[in-house]
C-alpha atoms as a PDB file:
ATOM      1  CA  MET A   1      -0.545   0.212  -0.195  1.00  0.00           C
ATOM      2  CA  LYS A   2       1.270   3.611  -0.829  1.00  0.00           C
ATOM      3  CA  ILE A   3       1.881   6.092   1.636  1.00  0.00           C
ATOM      4  CA  ASN A   4       2.221   9.792   2.264  1.00  0.00           C
ATOM      5  CA  SER A   5       4.039  10.497   4.249  1.00  0.00           C
ATOM      6  CA  PHE A   6       2.476  13.674   4.786  1.00  0.00           C
ATOM      7  CA  LEU A   7      -0.257  13.169   4.943  1.00  0.00           C
ATOM      8  CA  CYS A   8      -0.548   9.860   7.375  1.00  0.00           C
ATOM      9  CA  ARG A   9       1.678  10.190  10.197  1.00  0.00           C
ATOM     10  CA  ASN A  10       0.912   7.919  12.173  1.00  0.00           C
ATOM     11  CA  ASN A  11      -2.161   8.388  10.524  1.00  0.00           C
ATOM     12  CA  SER A  12      -1.998   4.980   8.712  1.00  0.00           C
ATOM     13  CA  PHE A  13      -3.208   3.568  11.834  1.00  0.00           C
ATOM     14  CA  SER A  14      -6.391   4.886  11.200  1.00  0.00           C
ATOM     15  CA  LYS A  15      -6.266   4.080   7.465  1.00  0.00           C
ATOM     16  CA  LEU A  16      -6.194   0.305   8.366  1.00  0.00           C
ATOM     17  CA  THR A  17      -8.194   0.297  10.898  1.00  0.00           C
ATOM     18  CA  PHE A  18     -11.168   2.222   8.345  1.00  0.00           C
ATOM     19  CA  SER A  19     -10.042  -0.470   5.525  1.00  0.00           C
ATOM     20  CA  PHE A  20     -10.494  -3.259   8.163  1.00  0.00           C
ATOM     21  CA  ILE A  21     -14.342  -1.563   9.405  1.00  0.00           C
ATOM     22  CA  PHE A  22     -15.910  -1.372   6.444  1.00  0.00           C
ATOM     23  CA  SER A  23     -13.725  -2.583   3.425  1.00  0.00           C
ATOM     24  CA  ALA A  24     -12.536   0.289   1.894  1.00  0.00           C
ATOM     25  CA  THR A  25     -10.454   0.158  -1.267  1.00  0.00           C
ATOM     26  CA  PHE A  26      -8.083   2.710  -1.608  1.00  0.00           C
ATOM     27  CA  SER A  27      -4.466   3.462  -0.764  1.00  0.00           C
ATOM     28  CA  VAL A  28      -3.582   4.848   2.738  1.00  0.00           C
ATOM     29  CA  GLY A  29      -3.608   8.296   3.434  1.00  0.00           C
ATOM     30  CA  PHE A  30      -5.352   9.004  -0.221  1.00  0.00           C
ATOM     31  CA  ILE A  31      -9.230   8.444   0.340  1.00  0.00           C
ATOM     32  CA  PRO A  32     -10.928   7.011  -2.386  1.00  0.00           C
ATOM     33  CA  SER A  33     -13.091   8.817  -5.216  1.00  0.00           C
ATOM     34  CA  SER A  34     -15.628   5.771  -4.732  1.00  0.00           C
ATOM     35  CA  ILE A  35     -16.531   2.644  -2.791  1.00  0.00           C
ATOM     36  CA  ALA A  36     -15.583  -0.525  -5.335  1.00  0.00           C
ATOM     37  CA  GLU A  37     -19.103  -2.436  -5.584  1.00  0.00           C
ATOM     38  CA  THR A  38     -18.203  -6.613  -4.996  1.00  0.00           C
ATOM     39  CA  LYS A  39     -21.060  -9.291  -6.282  1.00  0.00           C
ATOM     40  CA  ILE A  40     -21.295 -12.442  -5.173  1.00  0.00           C
ATOM     41  CA  GLU A  41     -19.593 -15.044  -7.911  1.00  0.00           C
ATOM     42  CA  SER A  42     -19.775 -18.739  -5.869  1.00  0.00           C
ATOM     43  CA  GLN A  43     -21.689 -20.011  -3.385  1.00  0.00           C
ATOM     44  CA  VAL A  44     -20.830 -23.358  -0.571  1.00  0.00           C
ATOM     45  CA  LYS A  45     -22.512 -25.551   0.308  1.00  0.00           C
ATOM     46  CA  LEU A  46     -22.710 -26.258   3.839  1.00  0.00           C
ATOM     47  CA  SER A  47     -23.203 -29.288   4.599  1.00  0.00           C
ATOM     48  CA  GLY A  48     -25.591 -30.242   7.744  1.00  0.00           C
ATOM     49  CA  GLN A  49     -22.327 -29.056  10.809  1.00  0.00           C
ATOM     50  CA  THR A  50     -21.105 -26.205   9.150  1.00  0.00           C
ATOM     51  CA  HIS A  51     -24.600 -25.024   8.620  1.00  0.00           C
ATOM     52  CA  ASN A  52     -26.205 -26.077  12.364  1.00  0.00           C
ATOM     53  CA  ILE A  53     -22.325 -24.629  13.365  1.00  0.00           C
ATOM     54  CA  LYS A  54     -22.907 -20.673  11.743  1.00  0.00           C
ATOM     55  CA  ALA A  55     -26.934 -21.143  12.977  1.00  0.00           C
ATOM     56  CA  ASP A  56     -25.012 -21.623  16.275  1.00  0.00           C
ATOM     57  CA  LEU A  57     -23.076 -17.496  16.134  1.00  0.00           C
ATOM     58  CA  MET A  58     -26.368 -16.551  14.186  1.00  0.00           C
ATOM     59  CA  ALA A  59     -27.849 -17.823  17.282  1.00  0.00           C
ATOM     60  CA  LYS A  60     -25.350 -15.858  20.124  1.00  0.00           C
ATOM     61  CA  LEU A  61     -25.561 -12.570  17.961  1.00  0.00           C
ATOM     62  CA  SER A  62     -28.410 -11.999  18.302  1.00  0.00           C
ATOM     63  CA  GLN A  63     -28.593 -12.240  21.454  1.00  0.00           C
ATOM     64  CA  ILE A  64     -26.621  -9.094  21.893  1.00  0.00           C
ATOM     65  CA  GLN A  65     -28.599  -5.625  21.165  1.00  0.00           C
ATOM     66  CA  TYR A  66     -25.940  -3.437  22.522  1.00  0.00           C
ATOM     67  CA  ILE A  67     -22.202  -2.793  22.984  1.00  0.00           C
ATOM     68  CA  ASN A  68     -20.895  -0.573  25.073  1.00  0.00           C
ATOM     69  CA  ALA A  69     -16.609  -1.201  25.090  1.00  0.00           C
ATOM     70  CA  GLU A  70     -13.162   0.206  25.213  1.00  0.00           C
ATOM     71  CA  PHE A  71     -10.860  -1.517  22.687  1.00  0.00           C
ATOM     72  CA  SER A  72      -6.814  -2.304  22.033  1.00  0.00           C
ATOM     73  CA  GLN A  73      -5.713  -3.489  18.812  1.00  0.00           C
ATOM     74  CA  THR A  74      -2.764  -4.760  17.151  1.00  0.00           C
ATOM     75  CA  VAL A  75      -2.211  -4.198  13.336  1.00  0.00           C
ATOM     76  CA  VAL A  76       0.108  -7.453  12.186  1.00  0.00           C
ATOM     77  CA  SER A  77       1.657  -7.828   9.437  1.00  0.00           C
ATOM     78  CA  ASP A  78       1.940 -10.379   6.897  1.00  0.00           C
ATOM     79  CA  LEU A  79       5.002 -11.588   8.409  1.00  0.00           C
ATOM     80  CA  GLY A  80       3.798 -11.715  11.658  1.00  0.00           C
ATOM     81  CA  GLU A  81       5.478  -8.296  12.264  1.00  0.00           C
ATOM     82  CA  THR A  82       3.239  -5.080  15.029  1.00  0.00           C
ATOM     83  CA  LEU A  83       3.044  -2.844  12.190  1.00  0.00           C
ATOM     84  CA  GLN A  84       0.434  -0.492  14.638  1.00  0.00           C
ATOM     85  CA  LYS A  85      -0.605  -0.453  18.312  1.00  0.00           C
ATOM     86  CA  GLY A  86      -3.592   1.910  19.240  1.00  0.00           C
ATOM     87  CA  LYS A  87      -6.988   1.871  21.817  1.00  0.00           C
ATOM     88  CA  GLY A  88     -10.499   3.588  21.477  1.00  0.00           C
ATOM     89  CA  THR A  89     -13.478   2.883  21.818  1.00  0.00           C
ATOM     90  CA  ILE A  90     -16.868   1.334  20.617  1.00  0.00           C
ATOM     91  CA  ALA A  91     -20.936   1.504  20.855  1.00  0.00           C
ATOM     92  CA  ILE A  92     -23.209  -0.664  19.325  1.00  0.00           C
ATOM     93  CA  SER A  93     -27.036  -0.831  19.105  1.00  0.00           C
ATOM     94  CA  LYS A  94     -28.965  -2.525  16.739  1.00  0.00           C
ATOM     95  CA  PRO A  95     -29.388  -2.393  14.021  1.00  0.00           C
ATOM     96  CA  ASP A  96     -27.220  -0.622  12.127  1.00  0.00           C
ATOM     97  CA  LEU A  97     -25.841   1.714  14.410  1.00  0.00           C
ATOM     98  CA  VAL A  98     -21.925   2.989  15.703  1.00  0.00           C
ATOM     99  CA  ASN A  99     -19.793   4.667  16.730  1.00  0.00           C
ATOM    100  CA  TRP A 100     -15.577   3.835  16.832  1.00  0.00           C
ATOM    101  CA  HIS A 101     -13.316   6.600  18.045  1.00  0.00           C
ATOM    102  CA  THR A 102      -9.728   5.944  17.707  1.00  0.00           C
ATOM    103  CA  THR A 103      -8.498   7.884  20.328  1.00  0.00           C
ATOM    104  CA  GLU A 104      -4.267   6.661  20.056  1.00  0.00           C
ATOM    105  CA  PRO A 105      -1.816   6.514  18.462  1.00  0.00           C
ATOM    106  CA  ASP A 106      -4.307   9.820  15.728  1.00  0.00           C
ATOM    107  CA  GLU A 107      -7.691  10.627  16.874  1.00  0.00           C
ATOM    108  CA  THR A 108     -10.253   9.455  14.367  1.00  0.00           C
ATOM    109  CA  LEU A 109     -13.642   8.763  14.461  1.00  0.00           C
ATOM    110  CA  ILE A 110     -16.108   6.500  12.697  1.00  0.00           C
ATOM    111  CA  VAL A 111     -20.199   6.803  13.079  1.00  0.00           C
ATOM    112  CA  SER A 112     -22.796   5.133  11.251  1.00  0.00           C
ATOM    113  CA  ASN A 113     -26.871   5.862  11.569  1.00  0.00           C
ATOM    114  CA  GLY A 114     -27.350   2.990   9.460  1.00  0.00           C
ATOM    115  CA  LYS A 115     -28.107   5.356   6.473  1.00  0.00           C
ATOM    116  CA  ASN A 116     -24.240   7.430   6.568  1.00  0.00           C
ATOM    117  CA  LEU A 117     -21.353   6.325   6.857  1.00  0.00           C
ATOM    118  CA  TRP A 118     -18.837   9.719   8.786  1.00  0.00           C
ATOM    119  CA  PHE A 119     -15.352   8.871   8.846  1.00  0.00           C
ATOM    120  CA  TYR A 120     -13.699  11.889  10.629  1.00  0.00           C
ATOM    121  CA  ASP A 121     -10.281  12.811  10.794  1.00  0.00           C
ATOM    122  CA  PRO A 122      -8.949  15.937  13.070  1.00  0.00           C
ATOM    123  CA  PHE A 123      -5.594  15.804  12.144  1.00  0.00           C
ATOM    124  CA  ILE A 124      -6.294  16.096   8.326  1.00  0.00           C
ATOM    125  CA  GLU A 125      -9.654  18.521   8.778  1.00  0.00           C
ATOM    126  CA  GLN A 126     -11.769  15.954   7.229  1.00  0.00           C
ATOM    127  CA  VAL A 127     -14.865  14.221   7.256  1.00  0.00           C
ATOM    128  CA  SER A 128     -16.133  11.746   4.475  1.00  0.00           C
ATOM    129  CA  ILE A 129     -19.790  10.904   4.126  1.00  0.00           C
ATOM    130  CA  TYR A 130     -20.246   7.305   3.003  1.00  0.00           C
ATOM    131  CA  SER A 131     -23.673   5.256   1.603  1.00  0.00           C
ATOM    132  CA  PHE A 132     -23.831   2.833   4.601  1.00  0.00           C
ATOM    133  CA  VAL A 133     -25.179   0.605   2.794  1.00  0.00           C
ATOM    134  CA  LYS A 134     -22.486   0.937   0.060  1.00  0.00           C
ATOM    135  CA  SER A 135     -19.759   0.886   2.157  1.00  0.00           C
ATOM    136  CA  ILE A 136     -20.212  -2.372   4.612  1.00  0.00           C
ATOM    137  CA  ALA A 137     -21.243  -4.073   1.166  1.00  0.00           C
ATOM    138  CA  ASN A 138     -19.977  -8.269   2.679  1.00  0.00           C
ATOM    139  CA  THR A 139     -18.375  -7.096   5.003  1.00  0.00           C
ATOM    140  CA  PRO A 140     -18.067  -8.917   8.280  1.00  0.00           C
ATOM    141  CA  VAL A 141     -18.393  -6.923  10.806  1.00  0.00           C
ATOM    142  CA  LEU A 142     -21.717  -5.269   9.223  1.00  0.00           C
ATOM    143  CA  LEU A 143     -22.891  -9.263  10.962  1.00  0.00           C
ATOM    144  CA  LEU A 144     -22.585  -7.443  14.757  1.00  0.00           C
ATOM    145  CA  THR A 145     -24.913  -4.118  13.659  1.00  0.00           C
ATOM    146  CA  SER A 146     -27.423  -6.143  11.222  1.00  0.00           C
ATOM    147  CA  GLU A 147     -30.225  -7.548  11.677  1.00  0.00           C
ATOM    148  CA  ASP A 148     -31.086  -8.930   8.747  1.00  0.00           C
ATOM    149  CA  PRO A 149     -30.688 -13.140   8.499  1.00  0.00           C
ATOM    150  CA  SER A 150     -29.825 -13.165   4.715  1.00  0.00           C
ATOM    151  CA  LEU A 151     -26.983 -10.825   4.952  1.00  0.00           C
ATOM    152  CA  TRP A 152     -25.403 -14.766   6.562  1.00  0.00           C
ATOM    153  CA  ASN A 153     -25.798 -15.825   3.026  1.00  0.00           C
ATOM    154  CA  ASN A 154     -22.350 -13.993   1.893  1.00  0.00           C
ATOM    155  CA  PHE A 155     -20.351 -15.852   3.610  1.00  0.00           C
ATOM    156  CA  GLN A 156     -19.214 -19.316   5.282  1.00  0.00           C
ATOM    157  CA  VAL A 157     -19.010 -20.172   9.359  1.00  0.00           C
ATOM    158  CA  SER A 158     -16.556 -22.427  10.519  1.00  0.00           C
ATOM    159  CA  GLN A 159     -14.782 -23.220  14.472  1.00  0.00           C
ATOM    160  CA  ASN A 160     -11.897 -23.596  15.334  1.00  0.00           C
ATOM    161  CA  LYS A 161     -12.367 -24.218  19.079  1.00  0.00           C
ATOM    162  CA  GLU A 162     -14.789 -23.505  21.637  1.00  0.00           C
ATOM    163  CA  GLY A 163     -15.819 -20.261  21.937  1.00  0.00           C
ATOM    164  CA  GLN A 164     -13.837 -19.525  18.512  1.00  0.00           C
ATOM    165  CA  TYR A 165     -16.169 -18.886  14.922  1.00  0.00           C
ATOM    166  CA  LEU A 166     -14.167 -18.254  11.840  1.00  0.00           C
ATOM    167  CA  ILE A 167     -16.745 -16.697   8.616  1.00  0.00           C
ATOM    168  CA  LYS A 168     -14.964 -16.329   5.160  1.00  0.00           C
ATOM    169  CA  SER A 169     -16.811 -13.933   2.792  1.00  0.00           C
ATOM    170  CA  LEU A 170     -17.938 -15.145  -0.341  1.00  0.00           C
ATOM    171  CA  THR A 171     -17.242 -12.840  -2.480  1.00  0.00           C
ATOM    172  CA  VAL A 172     -13.829 -13.094  -4.380  1.00  0.00           C
ATOM    173  CA  ASP A 173     -12.626  -9.993  -4.141  1.00  0.00           C
ATOM    174  CA  SER A 174     -13.760  -8.587  -0.665  1.00  0.00           C
ATOM    175  CA  GLN A 175     -10.651  -6.508   1.336  1.00  0.00           C
ATOM    176  CA  ILE A 176     -11.926  -8.069   4.198  1.00  0.00           C
ATOM    177  CA  LYS A 177     -11.129 -11.998   3.813  1.00  0.00           C
ATOM    178  CA  SER A 178     -12.558 -13.109   7.366  1.00  0.00           C
ATOM    179  CA  LEU A 179     -13.156 -12.995  10.631  1.00  0.00           C
ATOM    180  CA  THR A 180     -12.373 -14.104  13.735  1.00  0.00           C
ATOM    181  CA  LEU A 181     -14.814 -13.798  17.083  1.00  0.00           C
ATOM    182  CA  THR A 182     -13.904 -15.417  19.882  1.00  0.00           C
ATOM    183  CA  PHE A 183     -16.253 -15.640  22.763  1.00  0.00           C
ATOM    184  CA  GLU A 184     -16.020 -15.830  26.879  1.00  0.00           C
ATOM    185  CA  ASN A 185     -19.470 -17.488  28.749  1.00  0.00           C
ATOM    186  CA  GLU A 186     -21.011 -16.643  25.578  1.00  0.00           C
ATOM    187  CA  LYS A 187     -20.067 -12.521  24.940  1.00  0.00           C
ATOM    188  CA  ILE A 188     -18.096 -10.851  22.222  1.00  0.00           C
ATOM    189  CA  SER A 189     -14.471 -10.630  23.878  1.00  0.00           C
ATOM    190  CA  GLN A 190     -12.280 -10.736  20.850  1.00  0.00           C
ATOM    191  CA  LEU A 191     -12.166 -10.236  16.534  1.00  0.00           C
ATOM    192  CA  SER A 192      -9.506 -10.529  14.160  1.00  0.00           C
ATOM    193  CA  ILE A 193      -9.828  -9.680  10.812  1.00  0.00           C
ATOM    194  CA  LEU A 194      -7.104 -10.911   7.860  1.00  0.00           C
ATOM    195  CA  ASP A 195      -7.158  -8.936   4.802  1.00  0.00           C
ATOM    196  CA  SER A 196      -6.782  -8.847   1.531  1.00  0.00           C
ATOM    197  CA  THR A 197      -2.743  -7.782   1.988  1.00  0.00           C
ATOM    198  CA  GLY A 198      -2.476 -10.857   4.396  1.00  0.00           C
ATOM    199  CA  GLN A 199      -2.538  -8.141   7.806  1.00  0.00           C
ATOM    200  CA  ILE A 200      -4.589  -8.920  10.657  1.00  0.00           C
ATOM    201  CA  SER A 201      -5.909  -6.558  13.390  1.00  0.00           C
ATOM    202  CA  HIS A 202      -6.405  -8.014  16.566  1.00  0.00           C
ATOM    203  CA  ILE A 203      -9.209  -5.850  18.304  1.00  0.00           C
ATOM    204  CA  HIS A 204      -9.635  -7.446  22.353  1.00  0.00           C
ATOM    205  CA  LEU A 205     -12.541  -5.353  23.431  1.00  0.00           C
ATOM    206  CA  LEU A 206     -12.425  -4.285  27.553  1.00  0.00           C
ATOM    207  CA  ASN A 207     -14.889  -3.237  29.959  1.00  0.00           C
ATOM    208  CA  ILE A 208     -17.700  -4.538  28.139  1.00  0.00           C
ATOM    209  CA  ASP A 209     -21.480  -3.473  28.788  1.00  0.00           C
ATOM    210  CA  PHE A 210     -23.647  -5.358  26.248  1.00  0.00           C
ATOM    211  CA  THR A 211     -26.622  -3.875  28.080  1.00  0.00           C
ATOM    212  CA  THR A 212     -26.991   0.108  27.993  1.00  0.00           C
ATOM    213  CA  LYS A 213     -28.486   0.765  25.615  1.00  0.00           C
ATOM    214  CA  PRO A 214     -25.493   3.693  23.883  1.00  0.00           C
ATOM    215  CA  ASP A 215     -26.954   7.280  23.720  1.00  0.00           C
ATOM    216  CA  ASN A 216     -28.766   7.664  20.622  1.00  0.00           C
ATOM    217  CA  SER A 217     -26.263  11.351  20.316  1.00  0.00           C
ATOM    218  CA  LEU A 218     -23.425   8.710  19.597  1.00  0.00           C
ATOM    219  CA  PHE A 219     -24.466   8.026  15.904  1.00  0.00           C
ATOM    220  CA  ASP A 220     -24.938  11.216  14.101  1.00  0.00           C
ATOM    221  CA  PHE A 221     -22.311  13.442  13.184  1.00  0.00           C
ATOM    222  CA  VAL A 222     -22.038  17.229  13.098  1.00  0.00           C
ATOM    223  CA  ILE A 223     -19.535  18.128  11.006  1.00  0.00           C
ATOM    224  CA  PRO A 224     -17.282  21.184  12.890  1.00  0.00           C
ATOM    225  CA  GLU A 225     -17.078  23.819  11.450  1.00  0.00           C
ATOM    226  CA  GLY A 226     -13.909  24.913   9.129  1.00  0.00           C
ATOM    227  CA  VAL A 227     -13.479  20.891   8.585  1.00  0.00           C
ATOM    228  CA  MET A 228     -13.040  20.047   4.629  1.00  0.00           C
ATOM    229  CA  LEU A 229     -16.092  18.010   3.718  1.00  0.00           C
ATOM    230  CA  ASP A 230     -15.575  14.676   1.478  1.00  0.00           C
ATOM    231  CA  ASP A 231     -19.196  13.221  -0.022  1.00  0.00           C
ATOM    232  CA  GLN A 232     -18.664   9.940  -1.756  1.00  0.00           C
ATOM    233  CA  ARG A 233     -22.298   9.062  -1.577  1.00  0.00           C
END
C-alpha cells in the first residue's frame, strides 16, 4: 500500500482501521473517489455440520443488542511483524448504528446512523461521508450490527475451537477475507480481521457492557466548523 507521509504521519493506523472495519478500497493516506462494489460470484454448499455452526453463531449474536466497550487494537503483517497499536472506544446499537472512536495513536471517528457513514480525521481536518450500505456490503463486521439474516448468505462459517468462529466472505473481491470472533462466557471478547494483503487486526474488547443502550447522540455526526467535507455518497 502507498503511504503519503505528509498526510499520514502515524495516521496510517486510522486508515488501516477504516479499511479493516468497513472494507473501503483505497491506499493508506488517500481518500477514495468511490467505493468499489462487489458481486457474489460463488456460493458454498454448506454441510449439515457447517450449517449448525452458522446457526449457533447467529443465535449467539442475536442475543446481543448493544455493545459498549473500550478496545485495544494491534495490526500485524503477514510475516507476524507488529505494524501498529492503538486503542479507543466502540458503541453499537442494533440495527446498523456504530460509533468507533480511535483515540491512540491518532484520533479518528467512524459514525453510522444506518444510512450514512462518516469518517472524521481531525489531523487533516476532513470528514468523508459514504452510503452505509455500499461501504460495508459483504463485510463481516456488518454481521455484528445488522438484524438481517439474509446477509449470512454471503459468508461461510466454521469453528476453530470452542468459543471461536471463523467467518469467511464468499465474495471474490472482498478486501476483508475473514473475521474471527472469540467468545468468553457466551459474549464477544475479541475480533481478528484478515485483509486481502495478509495483514491481521486483533481487536480486544475491554470493560464491556452489553446491557446499556448507547445514547442516540453517538450515532449522528455534526460536522465541525472549518472541516473540509468529502461527500462520497
